[in-house]
Amino acid sequence: MIEVQEIQKEFNGVKVLDGISFRVDDNNGLFIIGSSGCGKSTLLRIIAGFDYEYSGEISINGKKIDKKLSPNQRDIGIVFQDPTLWNHMTVKQNVSYGMMYKREERILEVVNGLQIEHLLHKYPEEISGGQAMRVSLARALLSDKGNLLLDEPLSNVDVQTKQIIMDYLRENYCNSKCIIYVTHDRGEVKGLPFKILDIGK
């Protein structure tokens, strides 16, 4: 569960987030939409712990979070616009990195759903950008983190990859995680039964 209350953020005296408040419970999702530059990604960075120069409060799993609590100490996984994989690890090692108990059946369930099972023994330099995005998403879904932030995960991928990811999320989003999904593409919001918050108004 993630709750934010009255989040405000300024850049050089210009207010980019002005009193943003919402709550997303487990097994639920929220689309945050708005035009480019309206503060969507900045809001995710604040929730994730990469930016602590803001006012307002954030609670994760019912507990208020100290602004300077490091990202790896928060119960949050994040997928950025550009996939971030460890080049010295195979795809299988990448996707299972955040799992305390590496259950083979769970790994296969997710990689099969995202159609990357044939890539498990390859390295990041050997796969395409769309495949790398699916690997990054698989790693976040398989991690032990209870909350998931998606920062425009489909903005730089091909149509086929978009369809694979949306189909998988549509069928499996209710897997106990709380999901916050940032996008500027209003067409994506039709694919998942999430609530919608427009911060670009």
N, C-alpha and C. Protein backbone atom coordinates (compact mmCIF):
# COMPACT_ATOMS: atom_id res chain seq x y z
N MET A 1 0.84 -1.19 0.00
CA MET A 1 0.00 0.00 0.00
C MET A 1 0.88 1.25 0.00
N ILE A 2 0.50 2.21 -0.82
CA ILE A 2 1.22 3.48 -0.88
C ILE A 2 0.22 4.61 -0.72
N GLU A 3 0.54 5.54 0.16
CA GLU A 3 -0.30 6.73 0.33
C GLU A 3 0.59 7.97 0.32
N VAL A 4 0.21 8.95 -0.46
CA VAL A 4 0.92 10.23 -0.46
C VAL A 4 -0.06 11.33 -0.07
N GLN A 5 0.44 12.29 0.70
CA GLN A 5 -0.41 13.37 1.19
C GLN A 5 0.25 14.71 0.95
N GLU A 6 -0.44 15.54 0.19
CA GLU A 6 -0.05 16.93 -0.03
C GLU A 6 1.41 17.08 -0.47
N ILE A 7 1.80 16.29 -1.48
CA ILE A 7 3.18 16.37 -1.99
C ILE A 7 3.33 17.64 -2.84
N GLN A 8 4.35 18.42 -2.49
CA GLN A 8 4.67 19.62 -3.25
C GLN A 8 6.15 19.62 -3.59
N LYS A 9 6.45 20.08 -4.80
CA LYS A 9 7.83 20.09 -5.27
C LYS A 9 8.04 21.28 -6.17
N GLU A 10 9.17 21.96 -5.99
CA GLU A 10 9.51 23.10 -6.83
C GLU A 10 10.87 22.90 -7.48
N PHE A 11 11.02 23.42 -8.70
CA PHE A 11 12.31 23.50 -9.39
C PHE A 11 12.58 24.96 -9.70
N ASN A 12 13.62 25.52 -9.09
CA ASN A 12 14.00 26.91 -9.35
C ASN A 12 12.81 27.86 -9.18
N GLY A 13 12.05 27.63 -8.11
CA GLY A 13 10.94 28.51 -7.81
C GLY A 13 9.66 28.21 -8.56
N VAL A 14 9.71 27.23 -9.47
CA VAL A 14 8.52 26.86 -10.24
C VAL A 14 7.92 25.60 -9.63
N LYS A 15 6.64 25.66 -9.26
CA LYS A 15 5.99 24.52 -8.62
C LYS A 15 5.58 23.50 -9.68
N VAL A 16 6.12 22.27 -9.55
CA VAL A 16 5.78 21.21 -10.51
C VAL A 16 4.81 20.20 -9.92
N LEU A 17 4.75 20.09 -8.61
CA LEU A 17 3.76 19.25 -7.93
C LEU A 17 3.10 20.11 -6.86
N ASP A 18 1.79 20.17 -6.90
CA ASP A 18 1.09 21.11 -6.03
C ASP A 18 -0.01 20.39 -5.24
N GLY A 19 0.37 19.83 -4.10
CA GLY A 19 -0.60 19.22 -3.19
C GLY A 19 -1.17 17.90 -3.69
N ILE A 20 -0.32 17.02 -4.24
CA ILE A 20 -0.78 15.73 -4.76
C ILE A 20 -1.06 14.77 -3.61
N SER A 21 -2.25 14.17 -3.62
CA SER A 21 -2.63 13.20 -2.59
C SER A 21 -3.37 12.02 -3.24
N PHE A 22 -3.05 10.82 -2.80
CA PHE A 22 -3.79 9.63 -3.23
C PHE A 22 -3.37 8.44 -2.38
N ARG A 23 -4.12 7.35 -2.50
CA ARG A 23 -3.80 6.11 -1.81
C ARG A 23 -4.09 4.95 -2.75
N VAL A 24 -3.16 3.99 -2.79
CA VAL A 24 -3.33 2.79 -3.60
C VAL A 24 -3.13 1.59 -2.69
N ASP A 25 -4.15 0.76 -2.55
CA ASP A 25 -4.06 -0.41 -1.68
C ASP A 25 -3.44 -1.59 -2.42
N ASP A 26 -3.08 -2.64 -1.67
CA ASP A 26 -2.58 -3.86 -2.28
C ASP A 26 -3.63 -4.43 -3.23
N ASN A 27 -3.18 -5.12 -4.25
CA ASN A 27 -4.05 -5.71 -5.28
C ASN A 27 -4.78 -4.65 -6.11
N ASN A 28 -4.27 -3.43 -6.09
CA ASN A 28 -4.89 -2.35 -6.84
C ASN A 28 -3.83 -1.57 -7.61
N GLY A 29 -4.29 -0.82 -8.62
CA GLY A 29 -3.36 -0.03 -9.40
C GLY A 29 -3.88 1.37 -9.64
N LEU A 30 -2.95 2.27 -9.96
CA LEU A 30 -3.29 3.66 -10.25
C LEU A 30 -2.48 4.12 -11.45
N PHE A 31 -3.16 4.65 -12.46
CA PHE A 31 -2.49 5.34 -13.55
C PHE A 31 -2.30 6.79 -13.15
N ILE A 32 -1.09 7.31 -13.30
CA ILE A 32 -0.84 8.74 -13.17
C ILE A 32 -0.55 9.25 -14.57
N ILE A 33 -1.43 10.11 -15.06
CA ILE A 33 -1.31 10.59 -16.44
C ILE A 33 -1.11 12.10 -16.45
N GLY A 34 -0.76 12.60 -17.62
CA GLY A 34 -0.53 14.03 -17.78
C GLY A 34 0.50 14.26 -18.87
N SER A 35 0.57 15.46 -19.36
CA SER A 35 1.49 15.78 -20.44
C SER A 35 2.93 15.73 -19.96
N SER A 36 3.85 15.66 -20.91
CA SER A 36 5.28 15.65 -20.58
C SER A 36 5.65 16.91 -19.80
N GLY A 37 6.44 16.73 -18.74
CA GLY A 37 6.90 17.85 -17.94
C GLY A 37 5.99 18.27 -16.81
N CYS A 38 4.89 17.51 -16.57
CA CYS A 38 3.96 17.91 -15.51
C CYS A 38 4.34 17.34 -14.14
N GLY A 39 5.41 16.54 -14.07
CA GLY A 39 5.89 16.06 -12.78
C GLY A 39 5.60 14.61 -12.48
N LYS A 40 5.15 13.84 -13.45
CA LYS A 40 4.80 12.44 -13.21
C LYS A 40 6.01 11.63 -12.74
N SER A 41 7.09 11.70 -13.50
CA SER A 41 8.29 10.93 -13.14
C SER A 41 8.92 11.46 -11.86
N THR A 42 8.84 12.77 -11.66
CA THR A 42 9.35 13.36 -10.42
C THR A 42 8.61 12.80 -9.22
N LEU A 43 7.30 12.64 -9.34
CA LEU A 43 6.51 12.07 -8.25
C LEU A 43 6.95 10.64 -7.94
N LEU A 44 7.22 9.85 -8.97
CA LEU A 44 7.69 8.48 -8.74
C LEU A 44 9.06 8.48 -8.07
N ARG A 45 9.93 9.38 -8.47
CA ARG A 45 11.26 9.46 -7.86
C ARG A 45 11.15 9.82 -6.38
N ILE A 46 10.20 10.67 -6.04
CA ILE A 46 9.98 11.03 -4.64
C ILE A 46 9.49 9.81 -3.86
N ILE A 47 8.51 9.09 -4.40
CA ILE A 47 7.99 7.91 -3.72
C ILE A 47 9.07 6.85 -3.54
N ALA A 48 9.89 6.69 -4.58
CA ALA A 48 10.93 5.65 -4.54
C ALA A 48 12.10 6.01 -3.65
N GLY A 49 12.27 7.31 -3.33
CA GLY A 49 13.35 7.72 -2.46
C GLY A 49 14.56 8.31 -3.16
N PHE A 50 14.45 8.60 -4.45
CA PHE A 50 15.56 9.19 -5.19
C PHE A 50 15.58 10.71 -5.09
N ASP A 51 14.50 11.30 -4.61
CA ASP A 51 14.39 12.75 -4.47
C ASP A 51 13.72 13.02 -3.12
N TYR A 52 14.42 13.72 -2.23
CA TYR A 52 13.83 13.98 -0.91
C TYR A 52 13.68 15.48 -0.63
N GLU A 53 13.83 16.30 -1.66
CA GLU A 53 13.63 17.73 -1.49
C GLU A 53 12.20 18.09 -1.90
N TYR A 54 11.26 17.85 -1.00
CA TYR A 54 9.84 18.08 -1.26
C TYR A 54 9.16 18.29 0.08
N SER A 55 7.90 18.71 0.03
CA SER A 55 7.10 18.78 1.25
C SER A 55 5.92 17.83 1.10
N GLY A 56 5.40 17.36 2.24
CA GLY A 56 4.31 16.40 2.24
C GLY A 56 4.74 15.11 2.91
N GLU A 57 3.85 14.13 2.91
CA GLU A 57 4.12 12.87 3.59
C GLU A 57 3.88 11.68 2.67
N ILE A 58 4.69 10.64 2.87
CA ILE A 58 4.53 9.38 2.14
C ILE A 58 4.46 8.24 3.15
N SER A 59 3.49 7.37 2.97
CA SER A 59 3.38 6.17 3.79
C SER A 59 3.44 4.95 2.89
N ILE A 60 4.20 3.95 3.34
CA ILE A 60 4.30 2.69 2.61
C ILE A 60 3.91 1.57 3.55
N ASN A 61 2.93 0.79 3.14
CA ASN A 61 2.40 -0.30 3.96
C ASN A 61 1.94 0.19 5.33
N GLY A 62 1.36 1.39 5.34
CA GLY A 62 0.80 1.94 6.56
C GLY A 62 1.77 2.66 7.47
N LYS A 63 3.04 2.76 7.07
CA LYS A 63 4.04 3.41 7.91
C LYS A 63 4.58 4.66 7.21
N LYS A 64 4.60 5.77 7.95
CA LYS A 64 5.15 7.00 7.41
C LYS A 64 6.64 6.83 7.15
N ILE A 65 7.09 7.30 5.97
CA ILE A 65 8.47 7.11 5.54
C ILE A 65 9.28 8.38 5.76
N ASP A 66 10.45 8.22 6.37
CA ASP A 66 11.38 9.33 6.49
C ASP A 66 11.88 9.71 5.10
N LYS A 67 11.95 11.00 4.81
CA LYS A 67 12.34 11.46 3.48
C LYS A 67 13.66 10.87 3.01
N LYS A 68 14.60 10.69 3.93
CA LYS A 68 15.93 10.26 3.52
C LYS A 68 16.14 8.75 3.65
N LEU A 69 15.04 8.00 3.85
CA LEU A 69 15.16 6.55 3.83
C LEU A 69 15.57 6.11 2.43
N SER A 70 16.63 5.35 2.32
CA SER A 70 17.18 5.01 1.00
C SER A 70 16.21 4.16 0.19
N PRO A 71 16.31 4.22 -1.13
CA PRO A 71 15.41 3.46 -1.99
C PRO A 71 15.40 1.96 -1.71
N ASN A 72 16.58 1.38 -1.41
CA ASN A 72 16.63 -0.06 -1.20
C ASN A 72 16.04 -0.49 0.14
N GLN A 73 15.73 0.48 1.00
CA GLN A 73 15.10 0.16 2.27
C GLN A 73 13.58 0.34 2.22
N ARG A 74 13.08 0.74 1.08
CA ARG A 74 11.63 0.90 0.91
C ARG A 74 11.09 -0.36 0.22
N ASP A 75 9.87 -0.71 0.54
CA ASP A 75 9.25 -1.90 -0.04
C ASP A 75 8.70 -1.58 -1.42
N ILE A 76 9.63 -1.21 -2.32
CA ILE A 76 9.24 -0.71 -3.65
C ILE A 76 10.18 -1.25 -4.71
N GLY A 77 9.60 -1.75 -5.80
CA GLY A 77 10.36 -2.07 -7.00
C GLY A 77 10.00 -1.03 -8.05
N ILE A 78 10.92 -0.74 -8.94
CA ILE A 78 10.66 0.30 -9.95
C ILE A 78 11.19 -0.13 -11.31
N VAL A 79 10.42 0.18 -12.34
CA VAL A 79 10.83 -0.06 -13.72
C VAL A 79 10.89 1.29 -14.42
N PHE A 80 12.07 1.66 -14.91
CA PHE A 80 12.26 2.95 -15.56
C PHE A 80 11.94 2.86 -17.05
N GLN A 81 11.90 4.02 -17.71
CA GLN A 81 11.64 4.07 -19.15
C GLN A 81 12.68 3.27 -19.93
N ASP A 82 13.92 3.35 -19.51
CA ASP A 82 14.99 2.60 -20.13
C ASP A 82 15.41 1.47 -19.20
N PRO A 83 15.39 0.23 -19.69
CA PRO A 83 15.69 -0.91 -18.81
C PRO A 83 17.10 -0.82 -18.23
N THR A 84 17.21 -1.14 -16.96
CA THR A 84 18.50 -1.14 -16.27
C THR A 84 18.80 -2.56 -15.83
N LEU A 85 19.67 -3.23 -16.59
CA LEU A 85 20.03 -4.61 -16.30
C LEU A 85 21.51 -4.70 -15.97
N TRP A 86 21.89 -5.75 -15.25
CA TRP A 86 23.30 -5.99 -14.94
C TRP A 86 23.91 -6.78 -16.10
N ASN A 87 24.86 -6.15 -16.79
CA ASN A 87 25.41 -6.74 -18.00
C ASN A 87 26.23 -8.00 -17.75
N HIS A 88 26.73 -8.16 -16.52
CA HIS A 88 27.55 -9.35 -16.24
C HIS A 88 26.70 -10.54 -15.80
N MET A 89 25.38 -10.36 -15.74
CA MET A 89 24.48 -11.43 -15.35
C MET A 89 23.65 -11.89 -16.53
N THR A 90 23.29 -13.18 -16.54
CA THR A 90 22.37 -13.67 -17.54
C THR A 90 20.97 -13.12 -17.27
N VAL A 91 20.08 -13.30 -18.24
CA VAL A 91 18.70 -12.88 -18.05
C VAL A 91 18.10 -13.57 -16.83
N LYS A 92 18.34 -14.84 -16.66
CA LYS A 92 17.80 -15.57 -15.50
C LYS A 92 18.32 -14.99 -14.20
N GLN A 93 19.60 -14.67 -14.16
CA GLN A 93 20.18 -14.09 -12.94
C GLN A 93 19.60 -12.70 -12.69
N ASN A 94 19.36 -11.94 -13.76
CA ASN A 94 18.76 -10.63 -13.61
C ASN A 94 17.35 -10.71 -13.04
N VAL A 95 16.50 -11.57 -13.62
CA VAL A 95 15.10 -11.60 -13.19
C VAL A 95 14.94 -12.15 -11.78
N SER A 96 15.86 -13.00 -11.35
CA SER A 96 15.73 -13.60 -10.02
C SER A 96 16.51 -12.86 -8.95
N TYR A 97 17.13 -11.73 -9.31
CA TYR A 97 18.04 -11.03 -8.39
C TYR A 97 17.36 -10.62 -7.09
N GLY A 98 16.12 -10.14 -7.15
CA GLY A 98 15.46 -9.62 -5.95
C GLY A 98 14.66 -10.65 -5.18
N MET A 99 14.79 -11.93 -5.53
CA MET A 99 14.02 -12.97 -4.85
C MET A 99 14.82 -13.57 -3.70
N MET A 100 14.24 -13.58 -2.52
CA MET A 100 14.91 -14.21 -1.39
C MET A 100 14.94 -15.72 -1.58
N TYR A 101 13.80 -16.25 -2.02
CA TYR A 101 13.71 -17.68 -2.29
C TYR A 101 13.45 -17.86 -3.78
N LYS A 102 14.43 -18.35 -4.49
CA LYS A 102 14.36 -18.42 -5.95
C LYS A 102 13.59 -19.66 -6.39
N ARG A 103 12.25 -19.55 -6.39
CA ARG A 103 11.39 -20.66 -6.77
C ARG A 103 11.32 -20.77 -8.29
N GLU A 104 11.79 -21.89 -8.80
CA GLU A 104 11.87 -22.08 -10.25
C GLU A 104 10.52 -21.96 -10.92
N GLU A 105 9.47 -22.50 -10.28
CA GLU A 105 8.16 -22.47 -10.91
C GLU A 105 7.62 -21.05 -11.02
N ARG A 106 7.93 -20.21 -10.06
CA ARG A 106 7.49 -18.82 -10.10
C ARG A 106 8.25 -18.06 -11.19
N ILE A 107 9.54 -18.29 -11.31
CA ILE A 107 10.33 -17.64 -12.36
C ILE A 107 9.78 -18.01 -13.73
N LEU A 108 9.53 -19.30 -13.95
CA LEU A 108 9.03 -19.76 -15.24
C LEU A 108 7.65 -19.20 -15.54
N GLU A 109 6.83 -19.07 -14.51
CA GLU A 109 5.48 -18.51 -14.70
C GLU A 109 5.55 -17.10 -15.27
N VAL A 110 6.43 -16.26 -14.71
CA VAL A 110 6.52 -14.87 -15.15
C VAL A 110 7.22 -14.76 -16.50
N VAL A 111 8.35 -15.45 -16.68
CA VAL A 111 9.08 -15.31 -17.94
C VAL A 111 8.28 -15.92 -19.11
N ASN A 112 7.52 -16.96 -18.83
CA ASN A 112 6.66 -17.51 -19.89
C ASN A 112 5.57 -16.51 -20.25
N GLY A 113 4.98 -15.86 -19.24
CA GLY A 113 3.93 -14.89 -19.48
C GLY A 113 4.41 -13.70 -20.28
N LEU A 114 5.66 -13.31 -20.07
CA LEU A 114 6.23 -12.17 -20.80
C LEU A 114 7.01 -12.62 -22.05
N GLN A 115 6.95 -13.91 -22.33
CA GLN A 115 7.55 -14.49 -23.54
C GLN A 115 9.05 -14.22 -23.66
N ILE A 116 9.76 -14.45 -22.54
CA ILE A 116 11.22 -14.30 -22.56
C ILE A 116 11.91 -15.56 -22.06
N GLU A 117 11.17 -16.68 -22.01
CA GLU A 117 11.76 -17.91 -21.47
C GLU A 117 12.95 -18.39 -22.31
N HIS A 118 12.95 -18.08 -23.61
CA HIS A 118 14.04 -18.52 -24.49
C HIS A 118 15.30 -17.66 -24.33
N LEU A 119 15.21 -16.62 -23.50
CA LEU A 119 16.35 -15.71 -23.32
C LEU A 119 17.10 -15.95 -22.01
N LEU A 120 16.67 -16.88 -21.21
CA LEU A 120 17.17 -17.01 -19.84
C LEU A 120 18.69 -17.13 -19.74
N HIS A 121 19.32 -17.74 -20.72
CA HIS A 121 20.77 -17.96 -20.63
C HIS A 121 21.56 -16.95 -21.46
N LYS A 122 20.88 -15.95 -21.98
CA LYS A 122 21.56 -14.90 -22.72
C LYS A 122 21.95 -13.76 -21.78
N TYR A 123 22.85 -12.89 -22.26
CA TYR A 123 23.26 -11.70 -21.51
C TYR A 123 22.58 -10.47 -22.12
N PRO A 124 22.44 -9.39 -21.36
CA PRO A 124 21.73 -8.19 -21.86
C PRO A 124 22.21 -7.69 -23.21
N GLU A 125 23.51 -7.79 -23.48
CA GLU A 125 24.03 -7.29 -24.77
C GLU A 125 23.55 -8.14 -25.95
N GLU A 126 22.99 -9.30 -25.66
CA GLU A 126 22.56 -10.21 -26.72
C GLU A 126 21.06 -10.13 -27.02
N ILE A 127 20.34 -9.25 -26.33
CA ILE A 127 18.89 -9.17 -26.53
C ILE A 127 18.49 -7.77 -27.00
N SER A 128 17.27 -7.65 -27.52
CA SER A 128 16.80 -6.37 -28.05
C SER A 128 16.31 -5.45 -26.93
N GLY A 129 16.03 -4.20 -27.28
CA GLY A 129 15.54 -3.25 -26.28
C GLY A 129 14.19 -3.65 -25.72
N GLY A 130 13.29 -4.13 -26.60
CA GLY A 130 11.99 -4.57 -26.13
C GLY A 130 12.09 -5.77 -25.21
N GLN A 131 12.98 -6.70 -25.53
CA GLN A 131 13.20 -7.86 -24.67
C GLN A 131 13.79 -7.43 -23.33
N ALA A 132 14.72 -6.46 -23.37
CA ALA A 132 15.33 -5.97 -22.14
C ALA A 132 14.28 -5.33 -21.23
N MET A 133 13.30 -4.63 -21.81
CA MET A 133 12.23 -4.04 -21.00
C MET A 133 11.41 -5.13 -20.33
N ARG A 134 11.12 -6.21 -21.05
CA ARG A 134 10.37 -7.30 -20.46
C ARG A 134 11.17 -7.98 -19.34
N VAL A 135 12.48 -8.07 -19.51
CA VAL A 135 13.33 -8.64 -18.46
C VAL A 135 13.30 -7.75 -17.22
N SER A 136 13.38 -6.44 -17.43
CA SER A 136 13.34 -5.49 -16.32
C SER A 136 12.02 -5.59 -15.57
N LEU A 137 10.91 -5.72 -16.32
CA LEU A 137 9.60 -5.86 -15.69
C LEU A 137 9.50 -7.18 -14.94
N ALA A 138 10.02 -8.25 -15.54
CA ALA A 138 9.99 -9.56 -14.87
C ALA A 138 10.74 -9.50 -13.55
N ARG A 139 11.90 -8.84 -13.54
CA ARG A 139 12.67 -8.73 -12.31
C ARG A 139 11.88 -8.01 -11.22
N ALA A 140 11.19 -6.93 -11.60
CA ALA A 140 10.39 -6.19 -10.62
C ALA A 140 9.22 -7.02 -10.10
N LEU A 141 8.57 -7.75 -11.00
CA LEU A 141 7.42 -8.57 -10.60
C LEU A 141 7.84 -9.73 -9.71
N LEU A 142 9.04 -10.26 -9.95
CA LEU A 142 9.52 -11.41 -9.17
C LEU A 142 10.16 -11.02 -7.85
N SER A 143 10.47 -9.76 -7.68
CA SER A 143 11.13 -9.32 -6.45
C SER A 143 10.20 -9.48 -5.26
N ASP A 144 10.78 -9.47 -4.09
CA ASP A 144 10.00 -9.60 -2.87
C ASP A 144 9.35 -8.27 -2.46
N LYS A 145 9.55 -7.23 -3.24
CA LYS A 145 8.94 -5.94 -2.94
C LYS A 145 7.43 -5.99 -3.15
N GLY A 146 6.69 -5.37 -2.25
CA GLY A 146 5.23 -5.44 -2.30
C GLY A 146 4.58 -4.35 -3.12
N ASN A 147 5.37 -3.35 -3.54
CA ASN A 147 4.82 -2.22 -4.31
C ASN A 147 5.65 -2.01 -5.56
N LEU A 148 5.00 -1.66 -6.65
CA LEU A 148 5.68 -1.57 -7.94
C LEU A 148 5.38 -0.24 -8.60
N LEU A 149 6.43 0.47 -9.01
CA LEU A 149 6.31 1.74 -9.73
C LEU A 149 6.76 1.52 -11.17
N LEU A 150 5.92 1.90 -12.13
CA LEU A 150 6.25 1.76 -13.55
C LEU A 150 6.31 3.15 -14.17
N ASP A 151 7.49 3.56 -14.61
CA ASP A 151 7.69 4.90 -15.16
C ASP A 151 7.72 4.84 -16.68
N GLU A 152 6.55 5.00 -17.29
CA GLU A 152 6.40 4.96 -18.75
C GLU A 152 7.13 3.75 -19.36
N PRO A 153 6.80 2.54 -18.91
CA PRO A 153 7.55 1.35 -19.36
C PRO A 153 7.36 1.01 -20.84
N LEU A 154 6.34 1.58 -21.49
CA LEU A 154 6.07 1.24 -22.88
C LEU A 154 6.45 2.35 -23.85
N SER A 155 7.09 3.41 -23.36
CA SER A 155 7.34 4.58 -24.21
C SER A 155 8.39 4.32 -25.28
N ASN A 156 9.30 3.38 -25.04
CA ASN A 156 10.39 3.16 -25.99
C ASN A 156 10.41 1.75 -26.56
N VAL A 157 9.25 1.09 -26.60
CA VAL A 157 9.23 -0.29 -27.09
C VAL A 157 8.31 -0.40 -28.32
N ASP A 158 8.47 -1.49 -29.05
CA ASP A 158 7.70 -1.70 -30.27
C ASP A 158 6.27 -2.14 -29.94
N VAL A 159 5.43 -2.15 -30.94
CA VAL A 159 4.01 -2.46 -30.75
C VAL A 159 3.82 -3.87 -30.19
N GLN A 160 4.59 -4.84 -30.69
CA GLN A 160 4.46 -6.22 -30.22
C GLN A 160 4.78 -6.33 -28.74
N THR A 161 5.87 -5.66 -28.32
CA THR A 161 6.26 -5.70 -26.91
C THR A 161 5.20 -5.03 -26.04
N LYS A 162 4.65 -3.92 -26.51
CA LYS A 162 3.57 -3.26 -25.77
C LYS A 162 2.42 -4.22 -25.52
N GLN A 163 2.03 -4.95 -26.56
CA GLN A 163 0.90 -5.85 -26.44
C GLN A 163 1.19 -6.98 -25.46
N ILE A 164 2.40 -7.53 -25.52
CA ILE A 164 2.79 -8.62 -24.62
C ILE A 164 2.73 -8.15 -23.17
N ILE A 165 3.29 -6.97 -22.91
CA ILE A 165 3.33 -6.46 -21.53
C ILE A 165 1.93 -6.14 -21.03
N MET A 166 1.13 -5.46 -21.86
CA MET A 166 -0.22 -5.11 -21.42
C MET A 166 -1.07 -6.35 -21.20
N ASP A 167 -0.94 -7.35 -22.06
CA ASP A 167 -1.69 -8.59 -21.88
C ASP A 167 -1.31 -9.27 -20.56
N TYR A 168 -0.01 -9.29 -20.28
CA TYR A 168 0.43 -9.94 -19.04
C TYR A 168 -0.07 -9.18 -17.81
N LEU A 169 0.08 -7.86 -17.82
CA LEU A 169 -0.37 -7.08 -16.67
C LEU A 169 -1.88 -7.19 -16.48
N ARG A 170 -2.63 -7.22 -17.58
CA ARG A 170 -4.08 -7.32 -17.49
C ARG A 170 -4.49 -8.63 -16.79
N GLU A 171 -3.79 -9.70 -17.07
CA GLU A 171 -4.14 -11.01 -16.53
C GLU A 171 -3.57 -11.25 -15.14
N ASN A 172 -2.51 -10.50 -14.76
CA ASN A 172 -1.80 -10.84 -13.53
C ASN A 172 -1.57 -9.68 -12.57
N TYR A 173 -2.23 -8.53 -12.83
CA TYR A 173 -1.92 -7.38 -11.97
C TYR A 173 -2.33 -7.61 -10.53
N CYS A 174 -3.35 -8.43 -10.30
CA CYS A 174 -3.84 -8.66 -8.93
C CYS A 174 -3.01 -9.75 -8.26
N ASN A 175 -1.73 -9.53 -8.11
CA ASN A 175 -0.86 -10.56 -7.53
C ASN A 175 -0.30 -10.11 -6.18
N SER A 176 -1.09 -9.33 -5.47
CA SER A 176 -0.81 -8.80 -4.13
C SER A 176 0.00 -7.51 -4.16
N LYS A 177 0.55 -7.12 -5.31
CA LYS A 177 1.32 -5.88 -5.36
C LYS A 177 0.41 -4.68 -5.58
N CYS A 178 0.84 -3.57 -5.05
CA CYS A 178 0.24 -2.26 -5.35
C CYS A 178 1.05 -1.68 -6.51
N ILE A 179 0.37 -1.23 -7.56
CA ILE A 179 1.05 -0.76 -8.76
C ILE A 179 0.69 0.69 -9.05
N ILE A 180 1.71 1.52 -9.26
CA ILE A 180 1.52 2.89 -9.73
C ILE A 180 2.19 3.00 -11.09
N TYR A 181 1.42 3.34 -12.10
CA TYR A 181 1.85 3.29 -13.49
C TYR A 181 1.76 4.69 -14.09
N VAL A 182 2.91 5.26 -14.43
CA VAL A 182 2.97 6.60 -15.02
C VAL A 182 2.99 6.49 -16.54
N THR A 183 2.17 7.30 -17.20
CA THR A 183 2.18 7.33 -18.66
C THR A 183 1.64 8.67 -19.16
N HIS A 184 2.08 9.05 -20.36
CA HIS A 184 1.48 10.21 -21.03
C HIS A 184 0.55 9.74 -22.14
N ASP A 185 0.50 8.43 -22.37
CA ASP A 185 -0.32 7.85 -23.44
C ASP A 185 -1.67 7.43 -22.87
N ARG A 186 -2.68 8.21 -23.16
CA ARG A 186 -4.00 7.92 -22.62
C ARG A 186 -4.60 6.64 -23.19
N GLY A 187 -4.03 6.16 -24.29
CA GLY A 187 -4.50 4.89 -24.84
C GLY A 187 -4.15 3.72 -23.93
N GLU A 188 -3.06 3.82 -23.17
CA GLU A 188 -2.64 2.72 -22.30
C GLU A 188 -3.60 2.52 -21.13
N VAL A 189 -4.28 3.58 -20.71
CA VAL A 189 -5.13 3.46 -19.53
C VAL A 189 -6.36 2.59 -19.80
N LYS A 190 -6.66 2.38 -21.09
CA LYS A 190 -7.82 1.55 -21.41
C LYS A 190 -7.53 0.06 -21.24
N GLY A 191 -6.24 -0.28 -21.10
CA GLY A 191 -5.88 -1.68 -21.07
C GLY A 191 -5.94 -2.34 -19.71
N LEU A 192 -6.01 -1.54 -18.64
CA LEU A 192 -5.98 -2.10 -17.29
C LEU A 192 -7.05 -1.45 -16.43
N PRO A 193 -7.65 -2.21 -15.51
CA PRO A 193 -8.73 -1.66 -14.67
C PRO A 193 -8.20 -0.89 -13.47
N PHE A 194 -7.33 0.08 -13.72
CA PHE A 194 -6.76 0.89 -12.65
C PHE A 194 -7.54 2.19 -12.51
N LYS A 195 -7.46 2.79 -11.33
CA LYS A 195 -7.96 4.14 -11.17
C LYS A 195 -7.03 5.10 -11.92
N ILE A 196 -7.50 6.31 -12.17
CA ILE A 196 -6.73 7.28 -12.96
C ILE A 196 -6.60 8.58 -12.19
N LEU A 197 -5.38 9.10 -12.12
CA LEU A 197 -5.11 10.42 -11.53
C LEU A 197 -4.43 11.26 -12.58
N ASP A 198 -5.06 12.34 -13.00
CA ASP A 198 -4.50 13.24 -14.00
C ASP A 198 -3.87 14.43 -13.28
N ILE A 199 -2.53 14.51 -13.29
CA ILE A 199 -1.85 15.62 -12.60
C ILE A 199 -1.41 16.68 -13.59
N GLY A 200 -1.83 16.53 -14.85
CA GLY A 200 -1.45 17.51 -15.86
C GLY A 200 -2.48 18.56 -16.11
N LYS A 201 -3.57 18.54 -15.31
CA LYS A 201 -4.66 19.50 -15.53
C LYS A 201 -4.23 20.89 -15.08
